Amino acid sequence: MNPYRAILCGALVVLLLAGADSEAARDFAAAGDKVSTPFTAHATQRSYSLWTFRRGDGGGGFGRMFEKRTTSTEVETFHNRATGTANGDTYMYTRAFSGTSGFWTIPRPSANIWHHICIVYEAVAGSLPTIHVDGIPQTVTALSTTSGSPNTNTDAYVIGGRGNDNLRAWDGRLAEFAIWNALLTASECQALARGASPNTIRRQSLVGYWPLWGVSSPEPGLPGGTATPTGTTAARHAPVGPYVRAR
């Protein structure tokens, strides 16, 4: 059997034996909570998918859902901005450029419930990201117009916290973080929001996928390499396969 398929099938068997109500996501609740992936690659075309459950604002009001930084300057992040902070009551996606970096916000979805986020972005000067929440395209507010070329680093993606220190932890649950080297379509984002697994969407371009099942440490990358949880706990999973059938 293909090693990739063997890992995936084994993990699914564990989850199915445990039942659909098993603890199978990651909960982030304190400074230092994060999941560190080994994935360091860049690409001009990128799409991101993740399920989010916000309980509070997170560290400093700016809880991270993901960012690309462990030791150097961050080049990409998606995070909360609390009410009362600059450009607050929003979620912000950022991408660093050599000239003017990009900062884009969307209205914050409601707290204490699972929401699906899909970010589609081509890292070229002047372009705007497309962001879907629960399959619905959002009004994206541009706080700047990018110029120059996209910055890069050799750091890995970190889920649920800021990679270079113990600050900016997410306050809530995260699951099903996936990365594609492609620009997903609106229909593909909607399928993910309906509960489709990232493994069923544009498989040839899927370069990183961490279900964050919460039942093992390290967390399997399917693909993307195994990720290391720090300080997180298991939590109920998001409404996504194998727990639900895509509609």
C-alpha atoms as a PDB file:
ATOM      1  CA  MET A   1       0.000   0.000   0.000  1.00  0.00           C
ATOM      2  CA  ASN A   2       1.112   3.549  -0.673  1.00  0.00           C
ATOM      3  CA  PRO A   3       2.664   4.857   2.628  1.00  0.00           C
ATOM      4  CA  TYR A   4       0.544   8.009   2.446  1.00  0.00           C
ATOM      5  CA  ARG A   5      -2.629   5.949   2.119  1.00  0.00           C
ATOM      6  CA  ALA A   6      -1.528   3.645   4.940  1.00  0.00           C
ATOM      7  CA  ILE A   7      -1.078   6.575   7.340  1.00  0.00           C
ATOM      8  CA  LEU A   8      -4.412   8.100   6.360  1.00  0.00           C
ATOM      9  CA  CYS A   9      -6.318   4.813   6.588  1.00  0.00           C
ATOM     10  CA  GLY A  10      -4.759   4.006   9.960  1.00  0.00           C
ATOM     11  CA  ALA A  11      -5.694   7.377  11.397  1.00  0.00           C
ATOM     12  CA  LEU A  12      -9.246   7.100  10.088  1.00  0.00           C
ATOM     13  CA  VAL A  13      -9.660   3.645  11.624  1.00  0.00           C
ATOM     14  CA  VAL A  14      -8.651   5.029  15.032  1.00  0.00           C
ATOM     15  CA  LEU A  15     -11.173   7.848  14.728  1.00  0.00           C
ATOM     16  CA  LEU A  16     -14.014   5.681  13.485  1.00  0.00           C
ATOM     17  CA  LEU A  17     -13.476   3.178  16.294  1.00  0.00           C
ATOM     18  CA  ALA A  18     -13.553   6.049  18.768  1.00  0.00           C
ATOM     19  CA  GLY A  19     -16.866   7.281  17.354  1.00  0.00           C
ATOM     20  CA  ALA A  20     -18.028  10.482  15.731  1.00  0.00           C
ATOM     21  CA  ASP A  21     -18.258  12.305  19.060  1.00  0.00           C
ATOM     22  CA  SER A  22     -14.629  11.666  20.007  1.00  0.00           C
ATOM     23  CA  GLU A  23     -12.254  14.411  21.038  1.00  0.00           C
ATOM     24  CA  ALA A  24     -10.694  15.160  17.656  1.00  0.00           C
ATOM     25  CA  ALA A  25      -9.557  18.754  17.310  1.00  0.00           C
ATOM     26  CA  ARG A  26      -7.098  21.042  19.089  1.00  0.00           C
ATOM     27  CA  ASP A  27      -8.089  23.590  21.727  1.00  0.00           C
ATOM     28  CA  PHE A  28      -5.833  26.616  22.291  1.00  0.00           C
ATOM     29  CA  ALA A  29      -6.349  28.388  25.593  1.00  0.00           C
ATOM     30  CA  ALA A  30      -3.086  29.696  27.027  1.00  0.00           C
ATOM     31  CA  ALA A  31       0.112  31.538  26.146  1.00  0.00           C
ATOM     32  CA  GLY A  32       2.434  29.192  24.321  1.00  0.00           C
ATOM     33  CA  ASP A  33      -0.281  26.943  22.908  1.00  0.00           C
ATOM     34  CA  LYS A  34       0.491  26.185  19.258  1.00  0.00           C
ATOM     35  CA  VAL A  35       1.040  23.449  16.698  1.00  0.00           C
ATOM     36  CA  SER A  36       4.342  23.720  14.833  1.00  0.00           C
ATOM     37  CA  THR A  37       4.435  22.225  11.353  1.00  0.00           C
ATOM     38  CA  PRO A  38       7.631  21.396   9.436  1.00  0.00           C
ATOM     39  CA  PHE A  39       6.302  22.987   6.236  1.00  0.00           C
ATOM     40  CA  THR A  40       8.459  25.906   5.041  1.00  0.00           C
ATOM     41  CA  ALA A  41       7.780  26.267   1.316  1.00  0.00           C
ATOM     42  CA  HIS A  42       6.462  29.360  -0.472  1.00  0.00           C
ATOM     43  CA  ALA A  43       4.369  29.619  -3.634  1.00  0.00           C
ATOM     44  CA  THR A  44       2.933  32.533  -5.572  1.00  0.00           C
ATOM     45  CA  GLN A  45      -0.500  30.907  -5.771  1.00  0.00           C
ATOM     46  CA  ARG A  46      -1.874  29.823  -2.432  1.00  0.00           C
ATOM     47  CA  SER A  47      -5.166  28.752  -0.896  1.00  0.00           C
ATOM     48  CA  TYR A  48      -5.787  28.038   2.785  1.00  0.00           C
ATOM     49  CA  SER A  49      -8.655  26.238   4.465  1.00  0.00           C
ATOM     50  CA  LEU A  50      -9.340  25.831   8.175  1.00  0.00           C
ATOM     51  CA  TRP A  51     -12.152  25.428  10.648  1.00  0.00           C
ATOM     52  CA  THR A  52     -12.191  27.938  13.513  1.00  0.00           C
ATOM     53  CA  PHE A  53     -14.080  28.190  16.796  1.00  0.00           C
ATOM     54  CA  ARG A  54     -13.347  31.486  18.561  1.00  0.00           C
ATOM     55  CA  ARG A  55     -14.005  31.554  22.275  1.00  0.00           C
ATOM     56  CA  GLY A  56     -12.150  34.778  23.097  1.00  0.00           C
ATOM     57  CA  ASP A  57      -9.816  37.310  21.517  1.00  0.00           C
ATOM     58  CA  GLY A  58      -6.575  35.477  22.223  1.00  0.00           C
ATOM     59  CA  GLY A  59      -3.222  36.903  23.258  1.00  0.00           C
ATOM     60  CA  GLY A  60      -3.260  40.692  23.248  1.00  0.00           C
ATOM     61  CA  GLY A  61      -6.556  40.572  21.345  1.00  0.00           C
ATOM     62  CA  PHE A  62      -4.687  39.292  18.269  1.00  0.00           C
ATOM     63  CA  GLY A  63      -4.970  35.508  18.506  1.00  0.00           C
ATOM     64  CA  ARG A  64      -3.271  33.761  15.588  1.00  0.00           C
ATOM     65  CA  MET A  65      -5.012  31.163  13.483  1.00  0.00           C
ATOM     66  CA  PHE A  66      -1.832  30.609  11.486  1.00  0.00           C
ATOM     67  CA  GLU A  67       1.388  32.378  10.578  1.00  0.00           C
ATOM     68  CA  LYS A  68       4.663  31.642   8.816  1.00  0.00           C
ATOM     69  CA  ARG A  69       7.303  32.433  11.409  1.00  0.00           C
ATOM     70  CA  THR A  70       9.424  30.635  13.988  1.00  0.00           C
ATOM     71  CA  THR A  71      12.538  32.807  14.429  1.00  0.00           C
ATOM     72  CA  SER A  72      12.600  35.482  11.740  1.00  0.00           C
ATOM     73  CA  THR A  73      10.202  38.233  10.698  1.00  0.00           C
ATOM     74  CA  GLU A  74       6.728  36.974   9.852  1.00  0.00           C
ATOM     75  CA  VAL A  75       5.789  37.021   6.180  1.00  0.00           C
ATOM     76  CA  GLU A  76       2.212  35.804   6.386  1.00  0.00           C
ATOM     77  CA  THR A  77      -0.459  35.582   9.058  1.00  0.00           C
ATOM     78  CA  PHE A  78      -4.190  35.237   9.623  1.00  0.00           C
ATOM     79  CA  HIS A  79      -5.371  36.499  12.994  1.00  0.00           C
ATOM     80  CA  ASN A  80      -8.108  37.992  15.122  1.00  0.00           C
ATOM     81  CA  ARG A  81      -8.367  41.698  15.900  1.00  0.00           C
ATOM     82  CA  ALA A  82     -10.402  42.414  19.008  1.00  0.00           C
ATOM     83  CA  THR A  83     -13.056  45.098  19.241  1.00  0.00           C
ATOM     84  CA  GLY A  84     -11.389  48.287  20.448  1.00  0.00           C
ATOM     85  CA  THR A  85      -8.070  47.611  18.727  1.00  0.00           C
ATOM     86  CA  ALA A  86      -7.029  49.332  15.491  1.00  0.00           C
ATOM     87  CA  ASN A  87      -9.154  47.907  12.665  1.00  0.00           C
ATOM     88  CA  GLY A  88     -10.821  45.744  15.296  1.00  0.00           C
ATOM     89  CA  ASP A  89     -13.833  43.435  15.264  1.00  0.00           C
ATOM     90  CA  THR A  90     -12.286  41.793  12.227  1.00  0.00           C
ATOM     91  CA  TYR A  91     -10.097  38.952  11.060  1.00  0.00           C
ATOM     92  CA  MET A  92      -6.956  40.105   9.251  1.00  0.00           C
ATOM     93  CA  TYR A  93      -4.883  38.374   6.585  1.00  0.00           C
ATOM     94  CA  THR A  94      -1.416  39.821   5.980  1.00  0.00           C
ATOM     95  CA  ARG A  95       1.317  39.186   3.403  1.00  0.00           C
ATOM     96  CA  ALA A  96       4.692  40.932   3.610  1.00  0.00           C
ATOM     97  CA  PHE A  97       6.162  42.518   0.475  1.00  0.00           C
ATOM     98  CA  SER A  98       9.501  44.216  -0.211  1.00  0.00           C
ATOM     99  CA  GLY A  99       7.734  47.537  -0.837  1.00  0.00           C
ATOM    100  CA  THR A 100       4.333  47.937   0.801  1.00  0.00           C
ATOM    101  CA  SER A 101       2.949  44.909   2.622  1.00  0.00           C
ATOM    102  CA  GLY A 102      -0.658  43.780   2.355  1.00  0.00           C
ATOM    103  CA  PHE A 103      -3.209  44.031   5.167  1.00  0.00           C
ATOM    104  CA  TRP A 104      -6.791  42.932   4.498  1.00  0.00           C
ATOM    105  CA  THR A 105      -9.705  42.528   6.887  1.00  0.00           C
ATOM    106  CA  ILE A 106     -13.095  40.829   6.884  1.00  0.00           C
ATOM    107  CA  PRO A 107     -15.901  41.144   9.437  1.00  0.00           C
ATOM    108  CA  ARG A 108     -15.480  38.746  12.355  1.00  0.00           C
ATOM    109  CA  PRO A 109     -17.821  35.760  12.303  1.00  0.00           C
ATOM    110  CA  SER A 110     -19.688  34.959  15.515  1.00  0.00           C
ATOM    111  CA  ALA A 111     -17.936  33.409  18.509  1.00  0.00           C
ATOM    112  CA  ASN A 112     -18.569  30.036  20.180  1.00  0.00           C
ATOM    113  CA  ILE A 113     -19.509  28.202  17.006  1.00  0.00           C
ATOM    114  CA  TRP A 114     -17.520  26.515  14.254  1.00  0.00           C
ATOM    115  CA  HIS A 115     -16.894  28.554  11.093  1.00  0.00           C
ATOM    116  CA  HIS A 116     -15.052  27.538   7.957  1.00  0.00           C
ATOM    117  CA  ILE A 117     -12.509  29.955   6.455  1.00  0.00           C
ATOM    118  CA  CYS A 118     -11.127  29.743   2.913  1.00  0.00           C
ATOM    119  CA  ILE A 119      -8.415  32.216   1.797  1.00  0.00           C
ATOM    120  CA  VAL A 120      -7.350  32.384  -1.851  1.00  0.00           C
ATOM    121  CA  TYR A 121      -4.456  34.665  -2.764  1.00  0.00           C
ATOM    122  CA  GLU A 122      -1.964  35.210  -5.570  1.00  0.00           C
ATOM    123  CA  ALA A 123       1.112  36.956  -4.168  1.00  0.00           C
ATOM    124  CA  VAL A 124       1.685  39.592  -6.828  1.00  0.00           C
ATOM    125  CA  ALA A 125       1.756  43.354  -6.302  1.00  0.00           C
ATOM    126  CA  GLY A 126      -1.677  44.930  -6.278  1.00  0.00           C
ATOM    127  CA  SER A 127      -3.707  41.737  -5.972  1.00  0.00           C
ATOM    128  CA  LEU A 128      -6.437  41.173  -3.396  1.00  0.00           C
ATOM    129  CA  PRO A 129      -7.258  37.959  -1.542  1.00  0.00           C
ATOM    130  CA  THR A 130     -10.632  36.285  -1.810  1.00  0.00           C
ATOM    131  CA  ILE A 131     -11.923  35.133   1.568  1.00  0.00           C
ATOM    132  CA  HIS A 132     -14.958  32.918   2.169  1.00  0.00           C
ATOM    133  CA  VAL A 133     -16.599  32.317   5.550  1.00  0.00           C
ATOM    134  CA  ASP A 134     -18.875  29.273   5.635  1.00  0.00           C
ATOM    135  CA  GLY A 135     -18.797  29.266   1.840  1.00  0.00           C
ATOM    136  CA  ILE A 136     -19.939  32.883   1.538  1.00  0.00           C
ATOM    137  CA  PRO A 137     -17.570  35.394  -0.124  1.00  0.00           C
ATOM    138  CA  GLN A 138     -16.747  38.228   2.255  1.00  0.00           C
ATOM    139  CA  THR A 139     -16.271  41.939   1.701  1.00  0.00           C
ATOM    140  CA  VAL A 140     -12.492  42.336   1.912  1.00  0.00           C
ATOM    141  CA  THR A 141     -11.259  45.715   3.122  1.00  0.00           C
ATOM    142  CA  ALA A 142      -7.774  46.596   1.837  1.00  0.00           C
ATOM    143  CA  LEU A 143      -5.770  48.671   4.316  1.00  0.00           C
ATOM    144  CA  SER A 144      -2.876  48.984   1.862  1.00  0.00           C
ATOM    145  CA  THR A 145      -1.906  48.292  -1.743  1.00  0.00           C
ATOM    146  CA  THR A 146       0.999  45.885  -2.072  1.00  0.00           C
ATOM    147  CA  SER A 147       4.121  46.841  -4.006  1.00  0.00           C
ATOM    148  CA  GLY A 148       7.443  45.207  -4.747  1.00  0.00           C
ATOM    149  CA  SER A 149       7.851  41.451  -4.502  1.00  0.00           C
ATOM    150  CA  PRO A 150       6.581  39.041  -1.816  1.00  0.00           C
ATOM    151  CA  ASN A 151       8.999  38.503   1.055  1.00  0.00           C
ATOM    152  CA  THR A 152      10.081  34.968   1.932  1.00  0.00           C
ATOM    153  CA  ASN A 153      11.658  33.228   4.882  1.00  0.00           C
ATOM    154  CA  THR A 154      12.811  29.711   5.702  1.00  0.00           C
ATOM    155  CA  ASP A 155      10.496  29.418   8.715  1.00  0.00           C
ATOM    156  CA  ALA A 156       7.666  26.935   9.073  1.00  0.00           C
ATOM    157  CA  TYR A 157       3.934  27.506   9.386  1.00  0.00           C
ATOM    158  CA  VAL A 158       2.634  27.611  12.946  1.00  0.00           C
ATOM    159  CA  ILE A 159      -1.017  26.985  13.814  1.00  0.00           C
ATOM    160  CA  GLY A 160      -2.756  28.661  16.740  1.00  0.00           C
ATOM    161  CA  GLY A 161       0.010  30.891  18.058  1.00  0.00           C
ATOM    162  CA  ARG A 162       2.934  33.128  17.238  1.00  0.00           C
ATOM    163  CA  GLY A 163       5.904  30.984  16.381  1.00  0.00           C
ATOM    164  CA  ASN A 164       8.752  33.109  17.732  1.00  0.00           C
ATOM    165  CA  ASP A 165       7.451  33.612  21.284  1.00  0.00           C
ATOM    166  CA  ASN A 166       4.657  32.582  23.629  1.00  0.00           C
ATOM    167  CA  LEU A 167       2.328  35.427  22.696  1.00  0.00           C
ATOM    168  CA  ARG A 168      -0.718  35.805  20.462  1.00  0.00           C
ATOM    169  CA  ALA A 169      -2.197  32.378  21.181  1.00  0.00           C
ATOM    170  CA  TRP A 170      -5.582  31.651  19.657  1.00  0.00           C
ATOM    171  CA  ASP A 171      -8.419  31.309  22.203  1.00  0.00           C
ATOM    172  CA  GLY A 172     -10.650  28.502  20.984  1.00  0.00           C
ATOM    173  CA  ARG A 173     -10.447  25.493  18.694  1.00  0.00           C
ATOM    174  CA  LEU A 174      -8.866  24.944  15.296  1.00  0.00           C
ATOM    175  CA  ALA A 175      -9.085  21.999  12.921  1.00  0.00           C
ATOM    176  CA  GLU A 176      -8.440  20.902   9.345  1.00  0.00           C
ATOM    177  CA  PHE A 177      -5.706  23.362   8.328  1.00  0.00           C
ATOM    178  CA  ALA A 178      -4.800  22.829   4.672  1.00  0.00           C
ATOM    179  CA  ILE A 179      -2.602  24.542   2.079  1.00  0.00           C
ATOM    180  CA  TRP A 180      -2.775  24.320  -1.719  1.00  0.00           C
ATOM    181  CA  ASN A 181      -0.353  25.645  -4.329  1.00  0.00           C
ATOM    182  CA  ALA A 182      -3.340  26.694  -6.411  1.00  0.00           C
ATOM    183  CA  LEU A 183      -6.177  29.196  -6.444  1.00  0.00           C
ATOM    184  CA  LEU A 184      -9.285  27.330  -5.316  1.00  0.00           C
ATOM    185  CA  THR A 185     -12.577  28.239  -6.937  1.00  0.00           C
ATOM    186  CA  ALA A 186     -15.625  29.519  -5.086  1.00  0.00           C
ATOM    187  CA  SER A 187     -17.314  26.140  -5.547  1.00  0.00           C
ATOM    188  CA  GLU A 188     -14.309  24.356  -4.035  1.00  0.00           C
ATOM    189  CA  CYS A 189     -14.349  26.686  -1.018  1.00  0.00           C
ATOM    190  CA  GLN A 190     -18.077  26.024  -0.666  1.00  0.00           C
ATOM    191  CA  ALA A 191     -17.534  22.262  -0.782  1.00  0.00           C
ATOM    192  CA  LEU A 192     -14.997  22.548   2.047  1.00  0.00           C
ATOM    193  CA  ALA A 193     -17.474  24.630   4.046  1.00  0.00           C
ATOM    194  CA  ARG A 194     -20.117  21.926   3.557  1.00  0.00           C
ATOM    195  CA  GLY A 195     -17.815  19.393   5.205  1.00  0.00           C
ATOM    196  CA  ALA A 196     -15.632  17.998   2.421  1.00  0.00           C
ATOM    197  CA  SER A 197     -12.192  16.852   3.476  1.00  0.00           C
ATOM    198  CA  PRO A 198      -9.264  18.761   1.939  1.00  0.00           C
ATOM    199  CA  ASN A 199      -8.072  15.407   0.583  1.00  0.00           C
ATOM    200  CA  THR A 200     -11.030  15.453  -1.811  1.00  0.00           C
ATOM    201  CA  ILE A 201     -10.278  18.924  -3.210  1.00  0.00           C
ATOM    202  CA  ARG A 202      -7.601  19.569  -5.883  1.00  0.00           C
ATOM    203  CA  ARG A 203      -5.507  16.714  -4.511  1.00  0.00           C
ATOM    204  CA  GLN A 204      -2.645  17.261  -6.981  1.00  0.00           C
ATOM    205  CA  SER A 205      -2.056  20.773  -5.555  1.00  0.00           C
ATOM    206  CA  LEU A 206      -2.539  19.959  -1.854  1.00  0.00           C
ATOM    207  CA  VAL A 207       0.865  20.501  -0.206  1.00  0.00           C
ATOM    208  CA  GLY A 208      -0.042  20.614   3.487  1.00  0.00           C
ATOM    209  CA  TYR A 209      -2.923  19.179   5.505  1.00  0.00           C
ATOM    210  CA  TRP A 210      -3.104  18.825   9.291  1.00  0.00           C
ATOM    211  CA  PRO A 211      -6.510  17.550  10.473  1.00  0.00           C
ATOM    212  CA  LEU A 212      -5.539  18.311  14.107  1.00  0.00           C
ATOM    213  CA  TRP A 213      -7.433  15.265  15.293  1.00  0.00           C
ATOM    214  CA  GLY A 214      -6.032  15.638  18.791  1.00  0.00           C
ATOM    215  CA  VAL A 215      -5.635  11.892  19.312  1.00  0.00           C
ATOM    216  CA  SER A 216      -1.881  11.676  18.790  1.00  0.00           C
ATOM    217  CA  SER A 217       1.308  13.659  19.189  1.00  0.00           C
ATOM    218  CA  PRO A 218       2.894  14.508  16.832  1.00  0.00           C
ATOM    219  CA  GLU A 219      -0.057  15.320  14.599  1.00  0.00           C
ATOM    220  CA  PRO A 220       0.034  13.637  11.168  1.00  0.00           C
ATOM    221  CA  GLY A 221       0.511  15.762   8.083  1.00  0.00           C
ATOM    222  CA  LEU A 222      -1.416  14.326   5.166  1.00  0.00           C
ATOM    223  CA  PRO A 223       0.710  15.702   3.417  1.00  0.00           C
ATOM    224  CA  GLY A 224       3.132  18.278   4.858  1.00  0.00           C
ATOM    225  CA  GLY A 225       4.999  16.310   7.519  1.00  0.00           C
ATOM    226  CA  THR A 226       4.139  15.623  11.145  1.00  0.00           C
ATOM    227  CA  ALA A 227       3.409  18.651  13.348  1.00  0.00           C
ATOM    228  CA  THR A 228       4.323  19.141  17.005  1.00  0.00           C
ATOM    229  CA  PRO A 229       1.622  20.327  19.453  1.00  0.00           C
ATOM    230  CA  THR A 230       2.675  22.474  22.412  1.00  0.00           C
ATOM    231  CA  GLY A 231       0.300  22.995  25.313  1.00  0.00           C
ATOM    232  CA  THR A 232      -2.919  22.314  23.400  1.00  0.00           C
ATOM    233  CA  THR A 233      -5.659  19.907  24.460  1.00  0.00           C
ATOM    234  CA  ALA A 234      -8.104  17.694  22.595  1.00  0.00           C
ATOM    235  CA  ALA A 235     -11.539  19.102  21.720  1.00  0.00           C
ATOM    236  CA  ARG A 236     -14.640  18.169  19.749  1.00  0.00           C
ATOM    237  CA  HIS A 237     -14.037  18.215  16.030  1.00  0.00           C
ATOM    238  CA  ALA A 238     -15.417  20.552  13.391  1.00  0.00           C
ATOM    239  CA  PRO A 239     -18.317  19.417  11.143  1.00  0.00           C
ATOM    240  CA  VAL A 240     -16.133  17.886   8.447  1.00  0.00           C
ATOM    241  CA  GLY A 241     -15.529  14.365   7.042  1.00  0.00           C
ATOM    242  CA  PRO A 242     -15.198  11.679   8.237  1.00  0.00           C
ATOM    243  CA  TYR A 243     -17.742  13.034  10.713  1.00  0.00           C
ATOM    244  CA  VAL A 244     -20.205  14.353   8.134  1.00  0.00           C
ATOM    245  CA  ARG A 245     -20.843  13.701   4.489  1.00  0.00           C
ATOM    246  CA  ALA A 246     -20.226  16.600   2.096  1.00  0.00           C
ATOM    247  CA  ARG A 247     -23.470  17.936   0.621  1.00  0.00           C
END
